[in-house]
Amino acid sequence: MIPIFLLALRRGIKIGVLSSLAFGLIVLIEEPFIYHPVQGALLRYI
């Protein structure tokens, strides 16, 4: 998560959000374990 944070600081909010979404999708594909999509997003990014 630190590299994504640093990327967002250097490149801006748009690139940061896109890279975070890509990271979240990759993790979701590797470990598909969420109860509800909103809960998965909240637990992952808060």
C-alpha atoms as a PDB file:
ATOM      1  CA  MET A   1       0.000   0.000   0.000  1.00  0.00           C
ATOM      2  CA  ILE A   2       2.910   2.367   0.562  1.00  0.00           C
ATOM      3  CA  PRO A   3       3.944   2.324  -3.125  1.00  0.00           C
ATOM      4  CA  ILE A   4       0.366   3.173  -4.121  1.00  0.00           C
ATOM      5  CA  PHE A   5       0.320   6.017  -1.607  1.00  0.00           C
ATOM      6  CA  LEU A   6       3.622   7.373  -2.926  1.00  0.00           C
ATOM      7  CA  LEU A   7       2.376   7.079  -6.508  1.00  0.00           C
ATOM      8  CA  ALA A   8      -0.738   9.053  -5.588  1.00  0.00           C
ATOM      9  CA  LEU A   9       1.374  11.745  -3.943  1.00  0.00           C
ATOM     10  CA  ARG A  10       3.643  12.112  -6.962  1.00  0.00           C
ATOM     11  CA  ARG A  11       1.151  11.695  -9.834  1.00  0.00           C
ATOM     12  CA  GLY A  12      -2.106  13.015  -8.412  1.00  0.00           C
ATOM     13  CA  ILE A  13      -5.477  11.813  -7.269  1.00  0.00           C
ATOM     14  CA  LYS A  14      -6.617  10.364 -10.600  1.00  0.00           C
ATOM     15  CA  ILE A  15      -3.636   8.034 -10.980  1.00  0.00           C
ATOM     16  CA  GLY A  16      -3.778   7.171  -7.277  1.00  0.00           C
ATOM     17  CA  VAL A  17      -7.414   6.110  -7.461  1.00  0.00           C
ATOM     18  CA  LEU A  18      -6.868   4.107 -10.644  1.00  0.00           C
ATOM     19  CA  SER A  19      -3.869   2.286  -9.202  1.00  0.00           C
ATOM     20  CA  SER A  20      -5.783   1.577  -5.969  1.00  0.00           C
ATOM     21  CA  LEU A  21      -8.679   0.123  -7.933  1.00  0.00           C
ATOM     22  CA  ALA A  22      -6.302  -2.034  -9.971  1.00  0.00           C
ATOM     23  CA  PHE A  23      -4.616  -3.257  -6.789  1.00  0.00           C
ATOM     24  CA  GLY A  24      -7.990  -4.013  -5.191  1.00  0.00           C
ATOM     25  CA  LEU A  25      -9.143  -6.002  -8.218  1.00  0.00           C
ATOM     26  CA  ILE A  26      -5.935  -8.038  -8.290  1.00  0.00           C
ATOM     27  CA  VAL A  27      -6.263  -8.850  -4.584  1.00  0.00           C
ATOM     28  CA  LEU A  28      -9.941  -9.722  -5.061  1.00  0.00           C
ATOM     29  CA  ILE A  29      -9.071 -12.105  -7.896  1.00  0.00           C
ATOM     30  CA  GLU A  30      -6.370 -13.791  -5.819  1.00  0.00           C
ATOM     31  CA  GLU A  31      -8.394 -14.003  -2.580  1.00  0.00           C
ATOM     32  CA  PRO A  32     -12.134 -13.700  -3.287  1.00  0.00           C
ATOM     33  CA  PHE A  33     -13.259 -13.390   0.335  1.00  0.00           C
ATOM     34  CA  ILE A  34     -15.692 -10.558   1.027  1.00  0.00           C
ATOM     35  CA  TYR A  35     -19.110 -10.598   2.625  1.00  0.00           C
ATOM     36  CA  HIS A  36     -20.553  -7.598   0.823  1.00  0.00           C
ATOM     37  CA  PRO A  37     -18.875  -5.343  -1.792  1.00  0.00           C
ATOM     38  CA  VAL A  38     -19.213  -2.253   0.397  1.00  0.00           C
ATOM     39  CA  GLN A  39     -17.756  -4.075   3.388  1.00  0.00           C
ATOM     40  CA  GLY A  40     -14.854  -5.338   1.296  1.00  0.00           C
ATOM     41  CA  ALA A  41     -14.018  -1.818   0.139  1.00  0.00           C
ATOM     42  CA  LEU A  42     -14.308  -0.397   3.654  1.00  0.00           C
ATOM     43  CA  LEU A  43     -12.135  -3.066   5.236  1.00  0.00           C
ATOM     44  CA  ARG A  44      -9.507  -2.799   2.523  1.00  0.00           C
ATOM     45  CA  TYR A  45      -9.086   0.969   2.282  1.00  0.00           C
ATOM     46  CA  ILE A  46      -9.927   2.368   5.710  1.00  0.00           C
END
